[in-house]
Amino acid sequence: MKHYKITAKGKVQGVGYRNFTKLQADKRHYIGTVQNLENGNVEIYIGLPDYSHLGEFLELLWAGNGRMQTNTFEVEIVKESNFEHKDSKDFQVIS
């Protein structure tokens, strides 16, 4: 499993972005979390089966739900030992 920290920037708060992210992650059985940041961005920690799933997931988030608009993503690889959610069985929205 590959682990990533994704920061989404743009019109990503107050438009259902976290719930949309969870829906897409749940459909694919990904693990991790999504939360709003104070600076207006959204932070996603996600575990994916392999690197090839990252592009597909980012494309889904980029397309959005019609109300959101992602301008940019920042993606960082997270070492498994630093991925807090590696033992999780699901994807969670953090309030």
N, C-alpha and C. Protein backbone atom coordinates (compact mmCIF):
# COMPACT_ATOMS: atom_id res chain seq x y z
N MET A 1 0.85 -1.18 0.00
CA MET A 1 0.00 0.00 0.00
C MET A 1 0.89 1.24 0.00
N LYS A 2 0.47 2.26 -0.75
CA LYS A 2 1.17 3.54 -0.82
C LYS A 2 0.36 4.57 -0.05
N HIS A 3 1.05 5.45 0.66
CA HIS A 3 0.40 6.44 1.51
C HIS A 3 0.77 7.84 1.05
N TYR A 4 -0.24 8.72 1.04
CA TYR A 4 -0.05 10.07 0.53
C TYR A 4 -0.73 11.10 1.41
N LYS A 5 -0.14 12.29 1.42
CA LYS A 5 -0.79 13.48 1.97
C LYS A 5 -1.08 14.37 0.77
N ILE A 6 -2.35 14.71 0.59
CA ILE A 6 -2.79 15.54 -0.53
C ILE A 6 -3.39 16.81 0.05
N THR A 7 -2.92 17.95 -0.41
CA THR A 7 -3.52 19.23 -0.05
C THR A 7 -4.24 19.77 -1.28
N ALA A 8 -5.54 19.96 -1.15
CA ALA A 8 -6.35 20.50 -2.24
C ALA A 8 -6.57 21.99 -2.00
N LYS A 9 -6.33 22.78 -3.05
CA LYS A 9 -6.47 24.23 -2.95
C LYS A 9 -7.47 24.70 -3.99
N GLY A 10 -8.23 25.73 -3.64
CA GLY A 10 -9.24 26.29 -4.53
C GLY A 10 -10.53 26.51 -3.76
N LYS A 11 -11.65 26.36 -4.44
CA LYS A 11 -12.96 26.46 -3.79
C LYS A 11 -13.29 25.06 -3.27
N VAL A 12 -12.74 24.77 -2.09
CA VAL A 12 -12.82 23.40 -1.57
C VAL A 12 -13.45 23.32 -0.17
N GLN A 13 -13.90 24.45 0.37
CA GLN A 13 -14.59 24.43 1.65
C GLN A 13 -15.99 25.00 1.48
N GLY A 14 -16.95 24.40 2.21
CA GLY A 14 -18.33 24.85 2.13
C GLY A 14 -19.05 24.41 0.87
N VAL A 15 -18.49 23.43 0.17
CA VAL A 15 -19.07 22.96 -1.10
C VAL A 15 -19.24 21.44 -1.14
N GLY A 16 -19.08 20.77 0.01
CA GLY A 16 -19.24 19.32 0.06
C GLY A 16 -17.99 18.53 -0.31
N TYR A 17 -16.84 19.19 -0.30
CA TYR A 17 -15.60 18.55 -0.74
C TYR A 17 -15.22 17.36 0.13
N ARG A 18 -15.31 17.51 1.45
CA ARG A 18 -14.92 16.41 2.34
C ARG A 18 -15.84 15.20 2.15
N ASN A 19 -17.14 15.44 2.08
CA ASN A 19 -18.07 14.32 1.89
C ASN A 19 -17.89 13.67 0.52
N PHE A 20 -17.64 14.47 -0.50
CA PHE A 20 -17.39 13.94 -1.84
C PHE A 20 -16.12 13.07 -1.84
N THR A 21 -15.09 13.56 -1.16
CA THR A 21 -13.84 12.81 -1.06
C THR A 21 -14.07 11.48 -0.36
N LYS A 22 -14.82 11.51 0.75
CA LYS A 22 -15.12 10.27 1.48
C LYS A 22 -15.91 9.30 0.60
N LEU A 23 -16.90 9.80 -0.12
CA LEU A 23 -17.71 8.95 -1.00
C LEU A 23 -16.83 8.25 -2.03
N GLN A 24 -15.94 9.00 -2.66
CA GLN A 24 -15.06 8.41 -3.67
C GLN A 24 -14.10 7.41 -3.05
N ALA A 25 -13.57 7.72 -1.87
CA ALA A 25 -12.65 6.81 -1.19
C ALA A 25 -13.38 5.53 -0.75
N ASP A 26 -14.58 5.69 -0.21
CA ASP A 26 -15.35 4.52 0.25
C ASP A 26 -15.71 3.59 -0.90
N LYS A 27 -16.05 4.15 -2.05
CA LYS A 27 -16.39 3.32 -3.22
C LYS A 27 -15.22 2.43 -3.63
N ARG A 28 -14.01 2.89 -3.34
CA ARG A 28 -12.80 2.17 -3.76
C ARG A 28 -12.10 1.47 -2.60
N HIS A 29 -12.70 1.53 -1.42
CA HIS A 29 -12.17 0.87 -0.22
C HIS A 29 -10.79 1.42 0.17
N TYR A 30 -10.60 2.73 0.01
CA TYR A 30 -9.36 3.38 0.45
C TYR A 30 -9.50 3.74 1.92
N ILE A 31 -8.38 3.88 2.59
CA ILE A 31 -8.38 4.27 4.00
C ILE A 31 -7.76 5.66 4.14
N GLY A 32 -8.11 6.34 5.24
CA GLY A 32 -7.49 7.63 5.50
C GLY A 32 -8.46 8.63 6.09
N THR A 33 -8.12 9.92 5.91
CA THR A 33 -8.94 11.00 6.47
C THR A 33 -8.95 12.19 5.53
N VAL A 34 -9.96 13.04 5.73
CA VAL A 34 -10.03 14.32 5.04
C VAL A 34 -10.50 15.36 6.05
N GLN A 35 -9.87 16.55 6.00
CA GLN A 35 -10.27 17.61 6.93
C GLN A 35 -10.01 18.98 6.32
N ASN A 36 -10.82 19.96 6.77
CA ASN A 36 -10.60 21.35 6.39
C ASN A 36 -9.43 21.90 7.18
N LEU A 37 -8.67 22.78 6.55
CA LEU A 37 -7.60 23.50 7.22
C LEU A 37 -8.03 24.95 7.42
N GLU A 38 -7.45 25.60 8.41
CA GLU A 38 -7.81 26.98 8.72
C GLU A 38 -7.52 27.93 7.57
N ASN A 39 -6.57 27.59 6.71
CA ASN A 39 -6.19 28.48 5.61
C ASN A 39 -7.09 28.35 4.38
N GLY A 40 -8.15 27.53 4.47
CA GLY A 40 -9.09 27.38 3.36
C GLY A 40 -8.83 26.18 2.47
N ASN A 41 -7.74 25.49 2.70
CA ASN A 41 -7.42 24.28 1.94
C ASN A 41 -8.04 23.06 2.60
N VAL A 42 -7.97 21.93 1.91
CA VAL A 42 -8.42 20.65 2.46
C VAL A 42 -7.24 19.69 2.44
N GLU A 43 -7.07 18.97 3.55
CA GLU A 43 -5.95 18.03 3.69
C GLU A 43 -6.50 16.60 3.70
N ILE A 44 -5.89 15.77 2.88
CA ILE A 44 -6.30 14.38 2.74
C ILE A 44 -5.11 13.49 3.02
N TYR A 45 -5.27 12.54 3.91
CA TYR A 45 -4.30 11.46 4.09
C TYR A 45 -4.98 10.21 3.56
N ILE A 46 -4.31 9.51 2.66
CA ILE A 46 -4.97 8.37 2.02
C ILE A 46 -3.99 7.24 1.75
N GLY A 47 -4.47 6.02 1.96
CA GLY A 47 -3.72 4.82 1.62
C GLY A 47 -4.33 4.21 0.36
N LEU A 48 -3.50 4.01 -0.66
CA LEU A 48 -3.95 3.48 -1.94
C LEU A 48 -3.23 2.17 -2.23
N PRO A 49 -3.88 1.25 -2.97
CA PRO A 49 -3.24 -0.04 -3.26
C PRO A 49 -1.88 0.10 -3.94
N ASP A 50 -1.76 1.04 -4.87
CA ASP A 50 -0.47 1.30 -5.52
C ASP A 50 -0.52 2.67 -6.19
N TYR A 51 0.60 3.08 -6.74
CA TYR A 51 0.74 4.42 -7.31
C TYR A 51 -0.26 4.69 -8.43
N SER A 52 -0.63 3.68 -9.20
CA SER A 52 -1.52 3.90 -10.34
C SER A 52 -2.90 4.42 -9.92
N HIS A 53 -3.29 4.21 -8.68
CA HIS A 53 -4.59 4.68 -8.20
C HIS A 53 -4.59 6.17 -7.88
N LEU A 54 -3.41 6.75 -7.68
CA LEU A 54 -3.33 8.16 -7.29
C LEU A 54 -3.89 9.08 -8.38
N GLY A 55 -3.48 8.89 -9.61
CA GLY A 55 -3.96 9.74 -10.70
C GLY A 55 -5.46 9.68 -10.87
N GLU A 56 -6.02 8.47 -10.80
CA GLU A 56 -7.47 8.31 -10.93
C GLU A 56 -8.20 9.05 -9.82
N PHE A 57 -7.70 8.92 -8.59
CA PHE A 57 -8.35 9.57 -7.45
C PHE A 57 -8.29 11.09 -7.60
N LEU A 58 -7.14 11.61 -7.99
CA LEU A 58 -7.01 13.06 -8.18
C LEU A 58 -7.92 13.55 -9.30
N GLU A 59 -8.08 12.78 -10.35
CA GLU A 59 -9.00 13.16 -11.44
C GLU A 59 -10.43 13.25 -10.95
N LEU A 60 -10.84 12.32 -10.09
CA LEU A 60 -12.19 12.35 -9.53
C LEU A 60 -12.40 13.61 -8.69
N LEU A 61 -11.41 13.93 -7.86
CA LEU A 61 -11.52 15.13 -7.03
C LEU A 61 -11.49 16.39 -7.89
N TRP A 62 -10.68 16.38 -8.94
CA TRP A 62 -10.59 17.54 -9.84
C TRP A 62 -11.95 17.78 -10.50
N ALA A 63 -12.61 16.72 -10.95
CA ALA A 63 -13.91 16.84 -11.60
C ALA A 63 -14.97 17.34 -10.62
N GLY A 64 -14.90 16.86 -9.38
CA GLY A 64 -15.77 17.34 -8.32
C GLY A 64 -17.24 17.03 -8.49
N ASN A 65 -18.04 17.82 -7.78
CA ASN A 65 -19.48 17.60 -7.74
C ASN A 65 -20.26 18.73 -8.40
N GLY A 66 -19.58 19.63 -9.10
CA GLY A 66 -20.25 20.75 -9.75
C GLY A 66 -20.22 22.03 -8.95
N ARG A 67 -20.05 21.95 -7.64
CA ARG A 67 -19.98 23.14 -6.78
C ARG A 67 -18.55 23.49 -6.39
N MET A 68 -17.69 22.51 -6.41
CA MET A 68 -16.31 22.71 -5.97
C MET A 68 -15.41 22.96 -7.17
N GLN A 69 -14.29 23.62 -6.90
CA GLN A 69 -13.31 23.83 -7.96
C GLN A 69 -11.92 23.73 -7.34
N THR A 70 -11.22 22.67 -7.69
CA THR A 70 -9.85 22.50 -7.22
C THR A 70 -8.92 23.20 -8.20
N ASN A 71 -8.09 24.09 -7.68
CA ASN A 71 -7.11 24.79 -8.53
C ASN A 71 -5.80 24.03 -8.61
N THR A 72 -5.35 23.51 -7.48
CA THR A 72 -4.09 22.76 -7.45
C THR A 72 -4.13 21.69 -6.36
N PHE A 73 -3.30 20.68 -6.55
CA PHE A 73 -3.04 19.67 -5.54
C PHE A 73 -1.56 19.71 -5.20
N GLU A 74 -1.25 19.55 -3.94
CA GLU A 74 0.11 19.27 -3.50
C GLU A 74 0.10 17.85 -2.98
N VAL A 75 0.97 17.01 -3.49
CA VAL A 75 0.99 15.59 -3.11
C VAL A 75 2.35 15.26 -2.52
N GLU A 76 2.32 14.64 -1.35
CA GLU A 76 3.55 14.18 -0.70
C GLU A 76 3.41 12.69 -0.42
N ILE A 77 4.48 11.96 -0.62
CA ILE A 77 4.50 10.55 -0.23
C ILE A 77 4.75 10.50 1.27
N VAL A 78 4.00 9.67 1.97
CA VAL A 78 4.14 9.51 3.41
C VAL A 78 4.66 8.11 3.68
N LYS A 79 5.73 8.01 4.44
CA LYS A 79 6.25 6.69 4.82
C LYS A 79 5.20 5.96 5.64
N GLU A 80 5.12 4.66 5.45
CA GLU A 80 4.12 3.87 6.17
C GLU A 80 4.24 4.07 7.67
N SER A 81 5.45 4.16 8.18
CA SER A 81 5.64 4.32 9.62
C SER A 81 5.09 5.66 10.12
N ASN A 82 4.94 6.65 9.23
CA ASN A 82 4.41 7.96 9.59
C ASN A 82 2.94 8.12 9.23
N PHE A 83 2.34 7.09 8.63
CA PHE A 83 0.93 7.16 8.23
C PHE A 83 0.09 6.71 9.40
N GLU A 84 -0.55 7.66 10.07
CA GLU A 84 -1.30 7.39 11.30
C GLU A 84 -2.47 6.44 11.10
N HIS A 85 -2.96 6.33 9.89
CA HIS A 85 -4.21 5.60 9.64
C HIS A 85 -3.99 4.23 9.03
N LYS A 86 -2.75 3.72 9.10
CA LYS A 86 -2.42 2.46 8.42
C LYS A 86 -3.21 1.27 8.96
N ASP A 87 -3.66 1.34 10.20
CA ASP A 87 -4.43 0.25 10.79
C ASP A 87 -5.94 0.46 10.66
N SER A 88 -6.32 1.57 10.07
CA SER A 88 -7.74 1.88 9.89
C SER A 88 -8.34 0.98 8.82
N LYS A 89 -9.62 0.77 8.91
CA LYS A 89 -10.33 -0.06 7.94
C LYS A 89 -11.23 0.79 7.03
N ASP A 90 -11.25 2.12 7.26
CA ASP A 90 -12.16 2.96 6.48
C ASP A 90 -11.58 4.35 6.26
N PHE A 91 -12.38 5.21 5.67
CA PHE A 91 -12.01 6.58 5.37
C PHE A 91 -12.92 7.49 6.19
N GLN A 92 -12.35 8.48 6.87
CA GLN A 92 -13.13 9.29 7.81
C GLN A 92 -13.02 10.77 7.49
N VAL A 93 -14.12 11.48 7.73
CA VAL A 93 -14.14 12.94 7.67
C VAL A 93 -13.84 13.45 9.07
N ILE A 94 -12.84 14.31 9.18
CA ILE A 94 -12.51 14.94 10.46
C ILE A 94 -13.15 16.32 10.48
N SER A 95 -13.92 16.59 11.53
CA SER A 95 -14.61 17.89 11.65
C SER A 95 -13.67 18.96 12.14
